[in-house]
């Protein structure tokens, strides 16, 4: 594997994310020899129903990065309108879509965006429409279920 410009940029961004990580986020490589696969642990933000939870996420960078967006998946199950309820935990959000991604975007911005949607879901961009409906129309029920899932799936370190 040659060191492409993309690889250098990824290494630099990895350094930024490890040395000065966004609040409540820890980043490490799955394998030190592979800068394209990151393991992320995100603490549920205090002001969200995910508070107290520790969520594992996987960030994958395409070899064409930064010209193609990263993909990010929740490895920990989470009850959220913007994350699929299946075992993939996929997210499809604004800046991560190939038609909206811009090469100047940085991974730290992606991580902050994910953290922000835990606080304030983007219900207009929902993957799970049922969960989005509940968030809109029965917020107490949504919060209760989100807390139960957090306790059940995300309470371990």
Protein backbone atom coordinates (compact mmCIF):
# COMPACT_ATOMS: atom_id res chain seq x y z
CA UNK A 1 0.00 0.00 0.00
CA UNK A 2 1.69 3.22 -1.14
CA UNK A 3 1.36 6.37 0.92
CA UNK A 4 -1.08 8.45 -1.06
CA UNK A 5 -2.02 12.02 -0.28
CA UNK A 6 -5.26 10.64 1.17
CA UNK A 7 -3.32 8.44 3.59
CA UNK A 8 -1.28 11.40 4.85
CA UNK A 9 -4.42 13.47 5.35
CA UNK A 10 -6.10 10.60 7.19
CA UNK A 11 -3.06 10.19 9.46
CA UNK A 12 -3.16 13.93 10.21
CA UNK A 13 -6.90 13.83 10.97
CA UNK A 14 -6.43 10.74 13.12
CA UNK A 15 -3.81 12.65 15.10
CA UNK A 16 -6.23 15.56 15.59
CA UNK A 17 -9.01 13.21 16.71
CA UNK A 18 -6.79 11.32 19.15
CA UNK A 19 -4.85 14.27 20.58
CA UNK A 20 -7.76 16.69 20.81
CA UNK A 21 -10.91 14.58 20.53
CA UNK A 22 -14.42 16.03 20.50
CA UNK A 23 -16.11 15.90 23.91
CA UNK A 24 -17.08 12.39 25.00
CA UNK A 25 -15.40 10.69 22.05
CA UNK A 26 -12.44 8.31 21.94
CA UNK A 27 -10.86 7.22 18.68
CA UNK A 28 -8.48 4.38 17.87
CA UNK A 29 -7.56 2.35 14.82
CA UNK A 30 -8.97 -1.16 14.51
CA UNK A 31 -5.52 -2.18 13.31
CA UNK A 32 -2.48 0.11 13.47
CA UNK A 33 -1.54 -0.89 9.93
CA UNK A 34 -4.87 0.27 8.49
CA UNK A 35 -5.74 3.97 8.73
CA UNK A 36 -9.02 3.43 6.86
CA UNK A 37 -10.81 1.64 9.74
CA UNK A 38 -11.47 3.47 12.99
CA UNK A 39 -13.14 2.32 16.19
CA UNK A 40 -14.94 5.07 18.03
CA UNK A 41 -16.44 5.11 21.50
CA UNK A 42 -18.96 7.86 22.06
CA UNK A 43 -20.47 8.67 25.44
CA UNK A 44 -24.16 9.47 25.33
CA UNK A 45 -24.43 13.26 25.75
CA UNK A 46 -25.67 14.35 29.19
CA UNK A 47 -28.59 16.31 27.77
CA UNK A 48 -29.91 13.32 25.79
CA UNK A 49 -31.74 10.09 26.64
CA UNK A 50 -28.44 8.33 25.81
CA UNK A 51 -26.65 9.81 28.85
CA UNK A 52 -24.65 7.18 30.71
CA UNK A 53 -24.32 5.02 27.61
CA UNK A 54 -21.07 4.14 25.84
CA UNK A 55 -21.66 3.57 22.15
CA UNK A 56 -19.25 1.80 19.83
CA UNK A 57 -19.13 3.11 16.29
CA UNK A 58 -17.15 2.09 13.25
CA UNK A 59 -15.85 4.66 10.85
CA UNK A 60 -14.68 3.45 7.46
CA UNK A 61 -12.84 5.67 5.04
CA UNK A 62 -12.93 4.96 1.31
CA UNK A 63 -9.60 4.83 -0.49
CA UNK A 64 -10.81 7.89 -2.42
CA UNK A 65 -11.09 9.92 0.81
CA UNK A 66 -11.36 12.96 1.04
CA UNK A 67 -13.18 12.96 -2.31
CA UNK A 68 -15.68 10.37 -1.11
CA UNK A 69 -17.34 10.50 2.31
CA UNK A 70 -16.62 8.13 5.19
CA UNK A 71 -19.30 5.72 6.35
CA UNK A 72 -20.16 5.52 10.01
CA UNK A 73 -22.14 2.78 11.73
CA UNK A 74 -23.28 2.17 15.27
CA UNK A 75 -21.97 -1.21 16.45
CA UNK A 76 -23.99 -0.69 19.65
CA UNK A 77 -27.75 -0.86 19.20
CA UNK A 78 -29.36 2.53 19.65
CA UNK A 79 -32.98 3.65 19.51
CA UNK A 80 -32.73 6.69 17.26
CA UNK A 81 -34.55 8.01 14.16
CA UNK A 82 -31.28 8.48 12.22
CA UNK A 83 -29.74 5.04 12.89
CA UNK A 84 -31.08 1.81 11.42
CA UNK A 85 -32.44 -0.68 13.97
CA UNK A 86 -30.83 -3.67 12.26
CA UNK A 87 -27.44 -5.17 13.02
CA UNK A 88 -25.79 -2.72 10.61
CA UNK A 89 -26.59 0.43 12.62
CA UNK A 90 -26.17 2.50 9.49
CA UNK A 91 -26.55 6.24 9.33
CA UNK A 92 -27.31 8.20 6.24
CA UNK A 93 -27.05 11.85 7.07
CA UNK A 94 -26.65 15.04 5.13
CA UNK A 95 -22.91 15.57 4.90
CA UNK A 96 -22.21 11.82 4.61
CA UNK A 97 -24.11 11.52 1.33
CA UNK A 98 -21.84 11.42 -1.67
CA UNK A 99 -23.76 14.24 -3.37
CA UNK A 100 -23.37 16.52 -0.32
CA UNK A 101 -19.87 15.57 0.87
CA UNK A 102 -17.14 18.15 0.28
CA UNK A 103 -13.41 17.29 0.41
CA UNK A 104 -12.67 20.07 2.95
CA UNK A 105 -15.02 18.36 5.45
CA UNK A 106 -13.14 16.71 8.27
CA UNK A 107 -13.72 13.56 10.30
CA UNK A 108 -13.89 15.59 13.49
CA UNK A 109 -16.88 17.45 11.97
CA UNK A 110 -18.51 14.08 11.18
CA UNK A 111 -18.03 12.94 14.79
CA UNK A 112 -19.46 16.19 16.12
CA UNK A 113 -22.44 15.86 13.78
CA UNK A 114 -23.13 12.33 15.05
CA UNK A 115 -22.90 13.52 18.65
CA UNK A 116 -25.22 16.44 17.89
CA UNK A 117 -27.91 14.23 16.41
CA UNK A 118 -27.90 12.19 19.63
CA UNK A 119 -28.94 15.43 21.34
CA UNK A 120 -31.22 16.68 18.56
CA UNK A 121 -32.29 14.00 16.04
CA UNK A 122 -32.82 15.07 12.45
CA UNK A 123 -36.34 13.73 11.96
CA UNK A 124 -36.58 15.05 8.40
CA UNK A 125 -33.74 12.71 7.46
CA UNK A 126 -34.90 9.63 9.37
CA UNK A 127 -33.79 6.09 8.55
CA UNK A 128 -36.35 4.72 11.03
CA UNK A 129 -39.57 6.54 10.20
CA UNK A 130 -41.51 4.86 13.03
CA UNK A 131 -38.98 6.11 15.58
CA UNK A 132 -39.11 9.59 13.99
CA UNK A 133 -42.92 9.64 14.24
CA UNK A 134 -42.69 8.64 17.89
CA UNK A 135 -40.06 11.34 18.53
CA UNK A 136 -42.40 13.93 16.97
CA UNK A 137 -45.71 12.79 18.42
CA UNK A 138 -44.96 10.87 21.63
CA UNK A 139 -41.67 12.27 22.91
CA UNK A 140 -42.04 10.72 26.39
CA UNK A 141 -42.39 7.24 24.88
CA UNK A 142 -39.40 7.86 22.64
CA UNK A 143 -37.26 9.01 25.57
CA UNK A 144 -38.35 6.04 27.69
CA UNK A 145 -37.47 3.50 24.96
CA UNK A 146 -34.19 5.27 24.11
CA UNK A 147 -33.20 5.13 27.82
CA UNK A 148 -34.16 1.45 28.07
CA UNK A 149 -32.07 0.57 25.00
CA UNK A 150 -29.17 2.62 26.35
CA UNK A 151 -29.29 0.74 29.67
CA UNK A 152 -29.64 -2.61 27.90
CA UNK A 153 -27.05 -2.27 25.11
CA UNK A 154 -24.73 0.62 25.95
CA UNK A 155 -24.08 0.47 29.67
CA UNK A 156 -20.76 -1.43 29.45
CA UNK A 157 -17.50 0.42 29.01
